[in-house]
Amino acid sequence: MEQKPGSRIRLVTTPAEKPVRNRGQGIYHSMDDIFKNATVLPDLEATSKRRALKALADAVAQSEGIDSREIMNHLLERERLGATGVGHGVAMPHGRMEGLERLAIGFARLKAPVEYESPDGEPVDLMLLLLAPEEAGAVCLKALSRASRVLRDPATRAKLRATTDEKEIIAIFQKSQAAIAA
């Protein structure tokens, strides 16, 4: 998908054209703990897919210093290409964004599931938003893959649904990711 003039997010639809360079800190650090700095909404009340996306975009925008409207516009554009619901009550909206220094990850555990056009027809109550720097196509795809493997585990999903404690949610992601990497 081509980037619109003035736009800062490019939807992740193809592998990166540019090689990922090592820049020390930031997104180019080890993939051992992509969830370390995640923004967490542990008990989000949302009555629709759009409202859940907006709340998650607002939270990530605030923590990362990004324009929330820009994130939301591109997330909706991405959803028009195909819903990012992956099944089992999980959605993974994502994109690449110019000006980011590192991965920006947001997670929301919804109080009540919302319709999301997932492939299995199930409503979504776990949402993971992943934004990566524009030039980090390979890192973005690797992070999406890792997050997908974490959320594919039924025990991890059950633990995430059973808590509203932000620190515990981060710990669940970290433990699950470590188990996958081992």
N, C-alpha and C. Protein backbone atom coordinates (compact mmCIF):
# COMPACT_ATOMS: atom_id res chain seq x y z
N MET A 1 0.84 -1.17 0.00
CA MET A 1 0.00 0.00 0.00
C MET A 1 0.88 1.23 0.00
N GLU A 2 0.57 2.20 -0.79
CA GLU A 2 1.36 3.42 -0.87
C GLU A 2 1.02 4.35 0.27
N GLN A 3 2.00 5.11 0.67
CA GLN A 3 1.83 6.08 1.74
C GLN A 3 1.18 7.34 1.16
N LYS A 4 0.16 7.87 1.83
CA LYS A 4 -0.49 9.09 1.40
C LYS A 4 0.40 10.29 1.70
N PRO A 5 0.35 11.34 0.89
CA PRO A 5 1.14 12.53 1.17
C PRO A 5 0.80 13.09 2.55
N GLY A 6 1.82 13.46 3.29
CA GLY A 6 1.63 14.01 4.63
C GLY A 6 1.39 12.96 5.69
N SER A 7 1.29 11.71 5.31
CA SER A 7 1.02 10.63 6.23
C SER A 7 2.30 10.16 6.89
N ARG A 8 2.19 9.72 8.13
CA ARG A 8 3.38 9.25 8.83
C ARG A 8 3.33 7.77 9.11
N ILE A 9 2.21 7.12 8.93
CA ILE A 9 2.13 5.68 9.16
C ILE A 9 2.02 4.99 7.81
N ARG A 10 2.76 3.93 7.64
CA ARG A 10 2.61 3.09 6.45
C ARG A 10 2.13 1.75 6.93
N LEU A 11 1.09 1.26 6.31
CA LEU A 11 0.52 -0.01 6.72
C LEU A 11 1.50 -1.13 6.40
N VAL A 12 1.54 -2.12 7.27
CA VAL A 12 2.44 -3.25 7.07
C VAL A 12 1.74 -4.24 6.16
N THR A 13 2.14 -4.24 4.89
CA THR A 13 1.55 -5.18 3.93
C THR A 13 2.61 -5.95 3.17
N THR A 14 3.86 -5.44 3.16
CA THR A 14 4.95 -6.12 2.46
C THR A 14 6.21 -6.04 3.30
N PRO A 15 7.18 -6.91 3.03
CA PRO A 15 8.45 -6.82 3.76
C PRO A 15 9.13 -5.48 3.47
N ALA A 16 10.01 -5.09 4.37
CA ALA A 16 10.71 -3.82 4.23
C ALA A 16 11.62 -3.82 3.01
N GLU A 17 11.73 -2.66 2.39
CA GLU A 17 12.63 -2.52 1.26
C GLU A 17 14.04 -2.17 1.74
N LYS A 18 14.14 -1.58 2.92
CA LYS A 18 15.41 -1.12 3.45
C LYS A 18 15.92 -2.09 4.51
N PRO A 19 17.23 -2.28 4.62
CA PRO A 19 17.75 -3.13 5.69
C PRO A 19 17.59 -2.43 7.04
N VAL A 20 17.42 -3.20 8.08
CA VAL A 20 17.34 -2.65 9.43
C VAL A 20 18.76 -2.42 9.92
N ARG A 21 19.04 -1.23 10.37
CA ARG A 21 20.37 -0.88 10.87
C ARG A 21 20.39 -0.94 12.38
N ASN A 22 21.54 -1.25 12.93
CA ASN A 22 21.70 -1.28 14.38
C ASN A 22 21.94 0.13 14.88
N ARG A 23 21.05 0.61 15.71
CA ARG A 23 21.18 1.95 16.27
C ARG A 23 21.31 1.92 17.79
N GLY A 24 21.74 0.81 18.31
CA GLY A 24 21.92 0.72 19.76
C GLY A 24 20.60 0.58 20.48
N GLN A 25 20.22 1.57 21.26
CA GLN A 25 18.98 1.55 22.02
C GLN A 25 17.79 1.67 21.07
N GLY A 26 16.63 1.83 21.61
CA GLY A 26 15.44 1.99 20.79
C GLY A 26 14.92 0.66 20.30
N ILE A 27 14.31 0.66 19.14
CA ILE A 27 13.68 -0.56 18.64
C ILE A 27 14.68 -1.62 18.25
N TYR A 28 15.89 -1.22 18.03
CA TYR A 28 16.86 -2.17 17.52
C TYR A 28 17.53 -2.97 18.64
N HIS A 29 17.02 -2.81 19.87
CA HIS A 29 17.53 -3.63 20.96
C HIS A 29 17.07 -5.06 20.76
N SER A 30 17.48 -5.92 21.61
CA SER A 30 17.12 -7.33 21.54
C SER A 30 15.61 -7.50 21.52
N MET A 31 15.14 -8.50 20.80
CA MET A 31 13.72 -8.81 20.74
C MET A 31 13.31 -9.64 21.96
N ASP A 32 14.21 -9.79 22.93
CA ASP A 32 13.92 -10.62 24.09
C ASP A 32 12.75 -10.11 24.91
N ASP A 33 12.47 -8.82 24.87
CA ASP A 33 11.40 -8.29 25.71
C ASP A 33 10.67 -7.15 25.01
N ILE A 34 9.90 -7.48 23.99
CA ILE A 34 9.19 -6.44 23.26
C ILE A 34 8.04 -5.84 24.07
N PHE A 35 7.62 -6.51 25.12
CA PHE A 35 6.48 -6.03 25.90
C PHE A 35 6.88 -5.14 27.08
N LYS A 36 8.16 -4.96 27.31
CA LYS A 36 8.67 -4.25 28.47
C LYS A 36 8.03 -2.87 28.67
N ASN A 37 7.90 -2.09 27.60
CA ASN A 37 7.36 -0.74 27.70
C ASN A 37 5.95 -0.60 27.15
N ALA A 38 5.20 -1.70 27.13
CA ALA A 38 3.85 -1.66 26.58
C ALA A 38 2.94 -0.76 27.42
N THR A 39 2.05 -0.07 26.72
CA THR A 39 0.99 0.70 27.37
C THR A 39 -0.16 -0.27 27.58
N VAL A 40 -0.67 -0.36 28.79
CA VAL A 40 -1.69 -1.36 29.10
C VAL A 40 -2.98 -0.68 29.58
N LEU A 41 -4.08 -1.08 28.97
CA LEU A 41 -5.43 -0.70 29.43
C LEU A 41 -6.05 -2.00 29.95
N PRO A 42 -5.97 -2.23 31.26
CA PRO A 42 -6.31 -3.55 31.80
C PRO A 42 -7.80 -3.85 31.94
N ASP A 43 -8.66 -2.85 31.80
CA ASP A 43 -10.09 -3.07 32.02
C ASP A 43 -10.89 -2.07 31.19
N LEU A 44 -10.68 -2.09 29.89
CA LEU A 44 -11.26 -1.10 28.99
C LEU A 44 -12.73 -1.34 28.74
N GLU A 45 -13.52 -0.30 28.93
CA GLU A 45 -14.93 -0.34 28.57
C GLU A 45 -15.07 0.25 27.18
N ALA A 46 -15.49 -0.56 26.23
CA ALA A 46 -15.73 -0.10 24.87
C ALA A 46 -16.92 -0.87 24.32
N THR A 47 -17.77 -0.16 23.59
CA THR A 47 -18.99 -0.79 23.08
C THR A 47 -18.89 -1.18 21.62
N SER A 48 -17.76 -0.86 20.98
CA SER A 48 -17.59 -1.19 19.56
C SER A 48 -16.11 -1.33 19.24
N LYS A 49 -15.85 -1.92 18.10
CA LYS A 49 -14.50 -2.06 17.59
C LYS A 49 -13.85 -0.68 17.46
N ARG A 50 -14.56 0.26 16.87
CA ARG A 50 -14.03 1.60 16.64
C ARG A 50 -13.66 2.28 17.96
N ARG A 51 -14.51 2.16 18.96
CA ARG A 51 -14.23 2.79 20.26
C ARG A 51 -13.06 2.12 20.97
N ALA A 52 -12.93 0.83 20.82
CA ALA A 52 -11.80 0.12 21.42
C ALA A 52 -10.50 0.55 20.73
N LEU A 53 -10.51 0.61 19.40
CA LEU A 53 -9.34 1.08 18.66
C LEU A 53 -8.96 2.50 19.07
N LYS A 54 -9.97 3.37 19.21
CA LYS A 54 -9.72 4.77 19.58
C LYS A 54 -9.09 4.87 20.96
N ALA A 55 -9.61 4.14 21.91
CA ALA A 55 -9.06 4.18 23.27
C ALA A 55 -7.62 3.69 23.29
N LEU A 56 -7.34 2.63 22.58
CA LEU A 56 -5.99 2.08 22.53
C LEU A 56 -5.05 3.03 21.79
N ALA A 57 -5.51 3.61 20.68
CA ALA A 57 -4.70 4.59 19.93
C ALA A 57 -4.41 5.81 20.80
N ASP A 58 -5.41 6.29 21.54
CA ASP A 58 -5.21 7.46 22.42
C ASP A 58 -4.16 7.16 23.49
N ALA A 59 -4.24 5.99 24.09
CA ALA A 59 -3.31 5.63 25.17
C ALA A 59 -1.88 5.52 24.64
N VAL A 60 -1.70 4.87 23.50
CA VAL A 60 -0.36 4.73 22.92
C VAL A 60 0.15 6.10 22.46
N ALA A 61 -0.72 6.90 21.87
CA ALA A 61 -0.32 8.24 21.42
C ALA A 61 0.18 9.07 22.59
N GLN A 62 -0.52 9.02 23.70
CA GLN A 62 -0.12 9.79 24.87
C GLN A 62 1.23 9.31 25.41
N SER A 63 1.42 8.01 25.49
CA SER A 63 2.68 7.49 26.06
C SER A 63 3.87 7.69 25.12
N GLU A 64 3.61 7.75 23.82
CA GLU A 64 4.70 7.86 22.84
C GLU A 64 4.85 9.26 22.25
N GLY A 65 3.94 10.17 22.57
CA GLY A 65 4.01 11.51 22.01
C GLY A 65 3.68 11.55 20.53
N ILE A 66 2.70 10.78 20.12
CA ILE A 66 2.28 10.66 18.72
C ILE A 66 0.87 11.25 18.60
N ASP A 67 0.51 11.72 17.41
CA ASP A 67 -0.82 12.24 17.15
C ASP A 67 -1.83 11.09 17.10
N SER A 68 -2.76 11.07 18.01
CA SER A 68 -3.75 10.00 18.11
C SER A 68 -4.65 9.93 16.87
N ARG A 69 -5.03 11.08 16.34
CA ARG A 69 -5.91 11.08 15.15
C ARG A 69 -5.22 10.41 13.97
N GLU A 70 -3.93 10.66 13.84
CA GLU A 70 -3.17 10.06 12.75
C GLU A 70 -3.12 8.53 12.90
N ILE A 71 -2.87 8.09 14.11
CA ILE A 71 -2.86 6.65 14.37
C ILE A 71 -4.23 6.06 14.04
N MET A 72 -5.28 6.70 14.53
CA MET A 72 -6.63 6.18 14.33
C MET A 72 -7.01 6.14 12.86
N ASN A 73 -6.70 7.19 12.11
CA ASN A 73 -7.02 7.20 10.68
C ASN A 73 -6.36 6.03 9.95
N HIS A 74 -5.13 5.76 10.27
CA HIS A 74 -4.42 4.67 9.60
C HIS A 74 -4.89 3.31 10.08
N LEU A 75 -5.24 3.21 11.35
CA LEU A 75 -5.78 1.94 11.83
C LEU A 75 -7.09 1.61 11.12
N LEU A 76 -7.94 2.62 10.95
CA LEU A 76 -9.20 2.40 10.25
C LEU A 76 -8.96 2.05 8.78
N GLU A 77 -7.97 2.70 8.17
CA GLU A 77 -7.61 2.36 6.79
C GLU A 77 -7.13 0.92 6.71
N ARG A 78 -6.32 0.51 7.67
CA ARG A 78 -5.82 -0.87 7.71
C ARG A 78 -6.98 -1.85 7.88
N GLU A 79 -7.93 -1.50 8.72
CA GLU A 79 -9.09 -2.37 8.94
C GLU A 79 -9.93 -2.51 7.68
N ARG A 80 -9.99 -1.47 6.85
CA ARG A 80 -10.73 -1.55 5.59
C ARG A 80 -10.08 -2.57 4.63
N LEU A 81 -8.77 -2.73 4.73
CA LEU A 81 -8.08 -3.72 3.91
C LEU A 81 -8.40 -5.14 4.36
N GLY A 82 -8.68 -5.28 5.61
CA GLY A 82 -8.99 -6.57 6.21
C GLY A 82 -8.88 -6.45 7.71
N ALA A 83 -9.87 -6.95 8.40
CA ALA A 83 -9.88 -6.84 9.86
C ALA A 83 -8.64 -7.50 10.45
N THR A 84 -8.13 -6.92 11.51
CA THR A 84 -6.93 -7.44 12.17
C THR A 84 -7.26 -8.39 13.32
N GLY A 85 -8.52 -8.81 13.39
CA GLY A 85 -8.87 -9.85 14.33
C GLY A 85 -8.24 -11.15 13.86
N VAL A 86 -7.59 -11.87 14.77
CA VAL A 86 -6.87 -13.08 14.38
C VAL A 86 -7.54 -14.36 14.89
N GLY A 87 -8.61 -14.21 15.67
CA GLY A 87 -9.31 -15.37 16.20
C GLY A 87 -9.09 -15.54 17.68
N HIS A 88 -9.92 -16.36 18.30
CA HIS A 88 -9.85 -16.67 19.73
C HIS A 88 -10.00 -15.41 20.60
N GLY A 89 -10.74 -14.40 20.09
CA GLY A 89 -10.98 -13.19 20.87
C GLY A 89 -9.83 -12.20 20.84
N VAL A 90 -8.90 -12.35 19.89
CA VAL A 90 -7.70 -11.51 19.82
C VAL A 90 -7.69 -10.69 18.52
N ALA A 91 -7.27 -9.42 18.65
CA ALA A 91 -7.03 -8.56 17.48
C ALA A 91 -5.64 -7.96 17.62
N MET A 92 -4.98 -7.75 16.46
CA MET A 92 -3.62 -7.21 16.46
C MET A 92 -3.49 -6.09 15.42
N PRO A 93 -4.11 -4.92 15.67
CA PRO A 93 -3.92 -3.80 14.74
C PRO A 93 -2.47 -3.35 14.76
N HIS A 94 -1.95 -2.94 13.58
CA HIS A 94 -0.53 -2.65 13.49
C HIS A 94 -0.20 -1.72 12.31
N GLY A 95 0.99 -1.14 12.35
CA GLY A 95 1.47 -0.30 11.25
C GLY A 95 2.88 0.19 11.55
N ARG A 96 3.46 0.86 10.55
CA ARG A 96 4.79 1.47 10.73
C ARG A 96 4.62 2.97 10.70
N MET A 97 5.40 3.67 11.52
CA MET A 97 5.22 5.09 11.68
C MET A 97 6.53 5.85 11.66
N GLU A 98 6.59 6.85 10.83
CA GLU A 98 7.75 7.72 10.75
C GLU A 98 7.89 8.50 12.05
N GLY A 99 9.12 8.67 12.51
CA GLY A 99 9.36 9.47 13.70
C GLY A 99 9.44 8.69 14.99
N LEU A 100 9.05 7.42 14.98
CA LEU A 100 9.19 6.61 16.18
C LEU A 100 10.64 6.19 16.35
N GLU A 101 11.08 6.10 17.59
CA GLU A 101 12.44 5.66 17.89
C GLU A 101 12.50 4.18 18.25
N ARG A 102 11.35 3.61 18.62
CA ARG A 102 11.30 2.22 19.07
C ARG A 102 9.92 1.66 18.80
N LEU A 103 9.74 0.38 19.05
CA LEU A 103 8.42 -0.21 18.95
C LEU A 103 7.49 0.47 19.96
N ALA A 104 6.27 0.71 19.55
CA ALA A 104 5.24 1.22 20.45
C ALA A 104 4.15 0.16 20.52
N ILE A 105 3.96 -0.40 21.70
CA ILE A 105 3.02 -1.49 21.87
C ILE A 105 1.97 -1.09 22.90
N GLY A 106 0.72 -1.33 22.57
CA GLY A 106 -0.37 -1.11 23.49
C GLY A 106 -1.20 -2.36 23.60
N PHE A 107 -1.69 -2.63 24.78
CA PHE A 107 -2.54 -3.81 25.00
C PHE A 107 -3.79 -3.39 25.74
N ALA A 108 -4.92 -3.88 25.30
CA ALA A 108 -6.18 -3.62 26.00
C ALA A 108 -6.89 -4.94 26.26
N ARG A 109 -7.33 -5.07 27.50
CA ARG A 109 -8.19 -6.18 27.91
C ARG A 109 -9.56 -5.55 28.08
N LEU A 110 -10.49 -5.89 27.22
CA LEU A 110 -11.82 -5.28 27.25
C LEU A 110 -12.70 -5.94 28.30
N LYS A 111 -13.51 -5.12 28.97
CA LYS A 111 -14.45 -5.65 29.96
C LYS A 111 -15.44 -6.60 29.31
N ALA A 112 -15.89 -6.23 28.13
CA ALA A 112 -16.84 -7.06 27.39
C ALA A 112 -16.36 -7.13 25.93
N PRO A 113 -16.45 -8.30 25.32
CA PRO A 113 -16.01 -8.45 23.93
C PRO A 113 -16.81 -7.57 22.97
N VAL A 114 -16.15 -7.18 21.86
CA VAL A 114 -16.81 -6.40 20.82
C VAL A 114 -16.72 -7.15 19.50
N GLU A 115 -17.70 -6.96 18.64
CA GLU A 115 -17.67 -7.56 17.31
C GLU A 115 -16.48 -7.00 16.55
N TYR A 116 -15.75 -7.86 15.82
CA TYR A 116 -14.51 -7.42 15.21
C TYR A 116 -14.26 -8.01 13.82
N GLU A 117 -15.16 -8.78 13.28
CA GLU A 117 -14.96 -9.39 11.97
C GLU A 117 -13.75 -10.32 11.95
N SER A 118 -13.60 -11.09 13.00
CA SER A 118 -12.49 -12.04 13.08
C SER A 118 -12.78 -13.25 12.21
N PRO A 119 -11.75 -13.95 11.77
CA PRO A 119 -11.96 -15.10 10.88
C PRO A 119 -12.81 -16.21 11.50
N ASP A 120 -12.76 -16.34 12.83
CA ASP A 120 -13.56 -17.38 13.49
C ASP A 120 -14.94 -16.88 13.91
N GLY A 121 -15.24 -15.59 13.64
CA GLY A 121 -16.54 -15.03 13.97
C GLY A 121 -16.70 -14.65 15.44
N GLU A 122 -15.68 -14.91 16.24
CA GLU A 122 -15.75 -14.60 17.67
C GLU A 122 -15.48 -13.12 17.93
N PRO A 123 -16.17 -12.52 18.90
CA PRO A 123 -15.88 -11.14 19.27
C PRO A 123 -14.51 -11.06 19.96
N VAL A 124 -13.96 -9.85 20.01
CA VAL A 124 -12.61 -9.61 20.53
C VAL A 124 -12.66 -8.99 21.91
N ASP A 125 -11.83 -9.51 22.82
CA ASP A 125 -11.69 -8.89 24.14
C ASP A 125 -10.22 -8.65 24.51
N LEU A 126 -9.29 -9.09 23.65
CA LEU A 126 -7.86 -8.84 23.84
C LEU A 126 -7.32 -8.17 22.58
N MET A 127 -6.76 -6.97 22.74
CA MET A 127 -6.25 -6.22 21.59
C MET A 127 -4.80 -5.83 21.83
N LEU A 128 -3.96 -6.11 20.86
CA LEU A 128 -2.56 -5.71 20.93
C LEU A 128 -2.26 -4.81 19.74
N LEU A 129 -1.93 -3.55 20.01
CA LEU A 129 -1.57 -2.58 18.97
C LEU A 129 -0.06 -2.51 18.89
N LEU A 130 0.47 -2.64 17.68
CA LEU A 130 1.91 -2.58 17.49
C LEU A 130 2.23 -1.57 16.40
N LEU A 131 3.03 -0.55 16.76
CA LEU A 131 3.53 0.43 15.81
C LEU A 131 5.05 0.34 15.82
N ALA A 132 5.65 0.41 14.64
CA ALA A 132 7.10 0.35 14.54
C ALA A 132 7.59 1.53 13.71
N PRO A 133 8.86 1.90 13.88
CA PRO A 133 9.43 2.95 13.04
C PRO A 133 9.32 2.59 11.56
N GLU A 134 9.17 3.59 10.73
CA GLU A 134 9.01 3.41 9.29
C GLU A 134 10.07 2.50 8.68
N GLU A 135 11.32 2.69 9.07
CA GLU A 135 12.41 1.93 8.45
C GLU A 135 12.61 0.55 9.07
N ALA A 136 11.75 0.15 9.95
CA ALA A 136 11.94 -1.10 10.70
C ALA A 136 10.99 -2.20 10.25
N GLY A 137 10.87 -2.40 8.96
CA GLY A 137 9.95 -3.42 8.46
C GLY A 137 10.22 -4.80 9.00
N ALA A 138 11.47 -5.23 8.97
CA ALA A 138 11.81 -6.58 9.45
C ALA A 138 11.55 -6.71 10.95
N VAL A 139 11.88 -5.66 11.70
CA VAL A 139 11.65 -5.68 13.15
C VAL A 139 10.16 -5.72 13.44
N CYS A 140 9.38 -4.96 12.68
CA CYS A 140 7.93 -4.95 12.86
C CYS A 140 7.34 -6.33 12.60
N LEU A 141 7.74 -6.95 11.51
CA LEU A 141 7.23 -8.28 11.18
C LEU A 141 7.64 -9.31 12.23
N LYS A 142 8.87 -9.20 12.73
CA LYS A 142 9.35 -10.13 13.76
C LYS A 142 8.56 -9.92 15.06
N ALA A 143 8.30 -8.66 15.41
CA ALA A 143 7.53 -8.37 16.63
C ALA A 143 6.09 -8.88 16.49
N LEU A 144 5.49 -8.67 15.32
CA LEU A 144 4.14 -9.19 15.08
C LEU A 144 4.10 -10.71 15.20
N SER A 145 5.10 -11.35 14.64
CA SER A 145 5.18 -12.80 14.72
C SER A 145 5.30 -13.27 16.16
N ARG A 146 6.18 -12.61 16.90
CA ARG A 146 6.39 -13.00 18.30
C ARG A 146 5.12 -12.77 19.12
N ALA A 147 4.49 -11.61 18.94
CA ALA A 147 3.26 -11.29 19.67
C ALA A 147 2.16 -12.28 19.31
N SER A 148 2.09 -12.64 18.04
CA SER A 148 1.08 -13.60 17.60
C SER A 148 1.29 -14.96 18.26
N ARG A 149 2.54 -15.40 18.34
CA ARG A 149 2.83 -16.68 18.99
C ARG A 149 2.47 -16.64 20.48
N VAL A 150 2.74 -15.52 21.13
CA VAL A 150 2.38 -15.38 22.55
C VAL A 150 0.87 -15.47 22.71
N LEU A 151 0.12 -14.73 21.88
CA LEU A 151 -1.34 -14.68 22.02
C LEU A 151 -2.04 -15.92 21.46
N ARG A 152 -1.34 -16.74 20.74
CA ARG A 152 -1.92 -17.98 20.22
C ARG A 152 -2.07 -19.03 21.33
N ASP A 153 -1.31 -18.87 22.41
CA ASP A 153 -1.32 -19.83 23.51
C ASP A 153 -2.58 -19.68 24.36
N PRO A 154 -3.43 -20.72 24.43
CA PRO A 154 -4.67 -20.62 25.21
C PRO A 154 -4.44 -20.30 26.69
N ALA A 155 -3.38 -20.83 27.28
CA ALA A 155 -3.11 -20.56 28.70
C ALA A 155 -2.76 -19.09 28.92
N THR A 156 -1.99 -18.50 28.00
CA THR A 156 -1.65 -17.08 28.10
C THR A 156 -2.90 -16.23 27.97
N ARG A 157 -3.76 -16.55 27.00
CA ARG A 157 -5.00 -15.78 26.84
C ARG A 157 -5.86 -15.89 28.10
N ALA A 158 -5.94 -17.07 28.68
CA ALA A 158 -6.75 -17.25 29.89
C ALA A 158 -6.20 -16.40 31.04
N LYS A 159 -4.88 -16.37 31.19
CA LYS A 159 -4.26 -15.56 32.25
C LYS A 159 -4.53 -14.07 32.03
N LEU A 160 -4.43 -13.63 30.78
CA LEU A 160 -4.68 -12.21 30.47
C LEU A 160 -6.13 -11.84 30.76
N ARG A 161 -7.05 -12.76 30.50
CA ARG A 161 -8.47 -12.49 30.75
C ARG A 161 -8.81 -12.53 32.24
N ALA A 162 -7.96 -13.16 33.03
CA ALA A 162 -8.25 -13.35 34.45
C ALA A 162 -7.73 -12.22 35.34
N THR A 163 -7.02 -11.23 34.78
CA THR A 163 -6.46 -10.18 35.62
C THR A 163 -6.73 -8.79 35.05
N THR A 164 -6.79 -7.83 35.95
CA THR A 164 -6.89 -6.42 35.55
C THR A 164 -5.71 -5.64 36.10
N ASP A 165 -4.68 -6.35 36.55
CA ASP A 165 -3.48 -5.71 37.10
C ASP A 165 -2.47 -5.47 35.98
N GLU A 166 -2.14 -4.21 35.76
CA GLU A 166 -1.23 -3.83 34.67
C GLU A 166 0.12 -4.52 34.76
N LYS A 167 0.71 -4.54 35.93
CA LYS A 167 2.03 -5.18 36.09
C LYS A 167 1.96 -6.68 35.86
N GLU A 168 0.87 -7.28 36.28
CA GLU A 168 0.70 -8.72 36.07
C GLU A 168 0.54 -9.02 34.58
N ILE A 169 -0.17 -8.16 33.85
CA ILE A 169 -0.34 -8.34 32.41
C ILE A 169 1.01 -8.30 31.71
N ILE A 170 1.85 -7.32 32.06
CA ILE A 170 3.19 -7.23 31.48
C ILE A 170 3.99 -8.49 31.82
N ALA A 171 3.89 -8.94 33.06
CA ALA A 171 4.62 -10.14 33.48
C ALA A 171 4.15 -11.38 32.71
N ILE A 172 2.86 -11.49 32.45
CA ILE A 172 2.33 -12.61 31.67
C ILE A 172 2.93 -12.61 30.27
N PHE A 173 2.94 -11.44 29.64
CA PHE A 173 3.54 -11.34 28.31
C PHE A 173 5.03 -11.69 28.34
N GLN A 174 5.74 -11.18 29.33
CA GLN A 174 7.17 -11.43 29.40
C GLN A 174 7.48 -12.92 29.62
N LYS A 175 6.75 -13.55 30.53
CA LYS A 175 6.97 -14.99 30.80
C LYS A 175 6.63 -15.83 29.57
N SER A 176 5.53 -15.50 28.93
CA SER A 176 5.13 -16.26 27.75
C SER A 176 6.14 -16.09 26.62
N GLN A 177 6.61 -14.86 26.43
CA GLN A 177 7.61 -14.60 25.40
C GLN A 177 8.91 -15.34 25.69
N ALA A 178 9.32 -15.34 26.94
CA ALA A 178 10.56 -16.04 27.34
C ALA A 178 10.42 -17.53 27.06
N ALA A 179 9.25 -18.10 27.35
CA ALA A 179 9.03 -19.53 27.12
C ALA A 179 9.10 -19.86 25.63
N ILE A 180 8.59 -18.96 24.80
CA ILE A 180 8.62 -19.18 23.35
C ILE A 180 10.06 -19.12 22.84
N ALA A 181 10.83 -18.17 23.36
CA ALA A 181 12.21 -17.96 22.91
C ALA A 181 13.13 -19.09 23.34
N ALA A 182 12.76 -19.80 24.41
CA ALA A 182 13.63 -20.86 24.96
C ALA A 182 13.68 -22.08 24.08
